[in-house]
Amino acid sequence: MLKRLFAPGNDSFLTSLSLFVLRVWLGANMLINHGWGKLTKFNDLASGFPDPLKVGHTTSLALVVFAEALCSALLILGLFTRFAALVLAVNVGVAFFIVHKATLKGEHSGELAFIYMAGYVVLFLAGAGKLSLDNKLFGAKSGAGKAKPKE
C-alpha cells in the first residue's frame, strides 16, 4: 500500500487528478480575482491601465484580459492547456519582472505573480493530464499508438 501511494508513477490517476486540481485552482482563481473584473470594466480601465511593454494602454489591457479571462477559462477546461499556461506564465512573468521589478518582499512585492508563474510553468511542462478536454480531443484513441501484445 505505501509503495503504491509513494511511487512516482507517470500518468497515474493521481497525477492526472493533481494536474486537474492545479488547473482548476489556478484558472478559477485568476479568472475570478483578476480577469473577470478587467473584462467587465474594460472601457473604464483602458485609458489608465499600466503599459509596461509600451504597446499602448488599451492593447496592454486587452492582452491581460486575453490571458487572465480567456486563457484561465481554457485552463479550467483543460483545453489547449499548454498554450494557455504559456500565455499565463508570460502574463504573470511581465507582472513579476517588469511591474514588480522581481521583488519578493516589501510594499510592491511580486510574490503572488511569482507563485502563479510556478504553477503555470508546471502546467506548461506537464500538460493537462487525462482529466481534460485535451485528452478527449487530442489524446491517443483506444488502441491507437499502443504496442500490440506479444503472442
Protein backbone atom coordinates (compact mmCIF):
# COMPACT_ATOMS: atom_id res chain seq x y z
CA MET A 1 0.00 0.00 0.00
CA LEU A 2 2.73 2.51 0.96
CA LYS A 3 4.80 1.61 -2.09
CA ARG A 4 1.83 2.28 -4.34
CA LEU A 5 0.99 5.52 -2.53
CA PHE A 6 4.51 6.96 -2.78
CA ALA A 7 5.56 5.57 -6.18
CA PRO A 8 6.40 8.45 -8.51
CA GLY A 9 4.41 6.89 -11.40
CA ASN A 10 3.98 8.86 -14.57
CA ASP A 11 0.49 9.24 -16.00
CA SER A 12 -1.14 7.69 -12.95
CA PHE A 13 -4.67 8.64 -11.96
CA LEU A 14 -3.31 10.64 -9.02
CA THR A 15 -1.01 12.57 -11.34
CA SER A 16 -3.91 13.44 -13.63
CA LEU A 17 -6.09 14.33 -10.65
CA SER A 18 -3.33 16.59 -9.33
CA LEU A 19 -2.99 18.35 -12.69
CA PHE A 20 -6.78 18.74 -12.80
CA VAL A 21 -6.83 20.32 -9.32
CA LEU A 22 -3.92 22.64 -10.18
CA ARG A 23 -5.54 23.69 -13.48
CA VAL A 24 -8.93 24.42 -11.93
CA TRP A 25 -7.47 26.05 -8.81
CA LEU A 26 -5.14 28.43 -10.64
CA GLY A 27 -7.51 29.03 -13.54
CA ALA A 28 -10.55 29.80 -11.41
CA ASN A 29 -8.60 31.97 -9.01
CA MET A 30 -7.03 34.02 -11.81
CA LEU A 31 -10.34 34.33 -13.67
CA ILE A 32 -12.42 35.31 -10.64
CA ASN A 33 -9.91 37.51 -8.81
CA HIS A 34 -8.14 39.17 -11.73
CA GLY A 35 -9.59 38.53 -15.20
CA TRP A 36 -13.33 38.95 -14.70
CA GLY A 37 -13.10 42.47 -13.24
CA LYS A 38 -10.80 43.63 -16.04
CA LEU A 39 -13.11 42.09 -18.66
CA THR A 40 -16.31 43.62 -17.28
CA LYS A 41 -14.75 47.05 -16.66
CA PHE A 42 -12.62 47.11 -19.80
CA ASN A 43 -13.80 50.53 -21.04
CA ASP A 44 -13.34 52.15 -17.64
CA LEU A 45 -9.84 50.72 -17.15
CA ALA A 46 -8.41 51.02 -20.68
CA SER A 47 -7.16 54.60 -20.66
CA GLY A 48 -5.28 54.37 -17.38
CA PHE A 49 -4.12 50.75 -17.46
CA PRO A 50 -0.37 50.24 -16.95
CA ASP A 51 1.63 49.84 -20.16
CA PRO A 52 4.83 48.01 -19.15
CA LEU A 53 5.57 46.78 -22.69
CA LYS A 54 4.94 50.19 -24.31
CA VAL A 55 2.27 48.87 -26.68
CA GLY A 56 -0.48 51.23 -25.51
CA HIS A 57 -2.81 51.18 -22.52
CA THR A 58 -5.75 49.60 -24.34
CA THR A 59 -3.56 46.96 -26.03
CA SER A 60 -1.90 46.12 -22.71
CA LEU A 61 -5.30 45.67 -21.07
CA ALA A 62 -6.54 43.57 -24.00
CA LEU A 63 -3.52 41.27 -23.70
CA VAL A 64 -4.04 40.92 -19.95
CA VAL A 65 -7.77 40.20 -20.40
CA PHE A 66 -6.93 37.61 -23.06
CA ALA A 67 -4.59 35.90 -20.60
CA GLU A 68 -6.48 36.31 -17.34
CA ALA A 69 -10.01 35.69 -18.64
CA LEU A 70 -9.86 33.58 -21.82
CA CYS A 71 -6.72 31.55 -21.07
CA SER A 72 -7.85 30.98 -17.49
CA ALA A 73 -11.14 29.56 -18.82
CA LEU A 74 -9.19 27.33 -21.22
CA LEU A 75 -7.04 26.16 -18.33
CA ILE A 76 -10.10 25.26 -16.25
CA LEU A 77 -11.47 23.22 -19.15
CA GLY A 78 -8.13 21.63 -19.90
CA LEU A 79 -8.39 22.82 -23.50
CA PHE A 80 -5.23 23.98 -25.29
CA THR A 81 -3.68 23.74 -21.83
CA ARG A 82 -0.02 24.19 -22.74
CA PHE A 83 -0.80 27.26 -24.85
CA ALA A 84 -2.99 28.77 -22.09
CA ALA A 85 -0.38 28.03 -19.41
CA LEU A 86 2.36 29.61 -21.54
CA VAL A 87 0.31 32.77 -22.13
CA LEU A 88 -0.50 33.00 -18.41
CA ALA A 89 3.15 32.40 -17.45
CA VAL A 90 4.24 35.24 -19.74
CA ASN A 91 1.47 37.45 -18.33
CA VAL A 92 2.49 36.95 -14.71
CA GLY A 93 6.15 36.99 -15.75
CA VAL A 94 5.68 40.53 -17.04
CA ALA A 95 3.92 41.41 -13.79
CA PHE A 96 6.73 39.92 -11.69
CA PHE A 97 9.81 41.03 -13.63
CA ILE A 98 8.70 44.38 -15.08
CA VAL A 99 5.90 45.72 -12.88
CA HIS A 100 7.18 44.39 -9.53
CA LYS A 101 10.87 44.51 -10.56
CA ALA A 102 11.40 40.87 -9.41
CA THR A 103 10.79 41.84 -5.77
CA LEU A 104 9.62 39.08 -3.46
CA LYS A 105 9.02 41.15 -0.33
CA GLY A 106 8.15 44.64 0.70
CA GLU A 107 5.44 47.09 -0.27
CA HIS A 108 5.38 46.29 -4.02
CA SER A 109 6.06 42.57 -3.74
CA GLY A 110 5.55 40.38 -6.77
CA GLU A 111 5.31 37.25 -4.66
CA LEU A 112 1.81 36.34 -5.86
CA ALA A 113 2.80 36.69 -9.52
CA PHE A 114 5.89 34.59 -8.83
CA ILE A 115 3.81 31.80 -7.26
CA TYR A 116 1.29 31.86 -10.12
CA MET A 117 4.19 31.67 -12.57
CA ALA A 118 5.49 28.49 -10.91
CA GLY A 119 2.10 26.79 -11.31
CA TYR A 120 1.75 27.85 -14.93
CA VAL A 121 5.25 26.62 -15.78
CA VAL A 122 4.39 23.24 -14.24
CA LEU A 123 1.22 23.02 -16.33
CA PHE A 124 3.10 24.10 -19.46
CA LEU A 125 5.66 21.34 -18.93
CA ALA A 126 3.30 18.60 -17.73
CA GLY A 127 0.23 19.30 -19.85
CA ALA A 128 -3.38 18.86 -18.82
CA GLY A 129 -3.40 15.22 -17.78
CA LYS A 130 -6.05 12.64 -18.56
CA LEU A 131 -8.92 14.55 -16.91
CA SER A 132 -9.10 17.21 -19.61
CA LEU A 133 -10.64 18.14 -22.92
CA ASP A 134 -7.14 18.00 -24.42
CA ASN A 135 -7.07 14.29 -23.64
CA LYS A 136 -10.56 13.76 -25.05
CA LEU A 137 -9.84 15.67 -28.26
CA PHE A 138 -6.15 15.04 -28.86
CA GLY A 139 -5.25 12.00 -26.71
CA ALA A 140 -4.49 8.58 -28.09
CA LYS A 141 -7.59 6.76 -29.28
CA SER A 142 -8.38 3.45 -27.68
CA GLY A 143 -5.81 1.02 -29.02
CA ALA A 144 -4.19 3.58 -31.34
CA GLY A 145 -0.49 4.01 -30.83
CA LYS A 146 -0.25 1.20 -28.30
CA ALA A 147 2.05 -1.72 -28.85
CA LYS A 148 0.28 -4.96 -29.61
CA PRO A 149 0.80 -7.69 -27.02
CA LYS A 150 3.25 -10.43 -28.00
CA GLU A 151 1.71 -13.78 -28.66
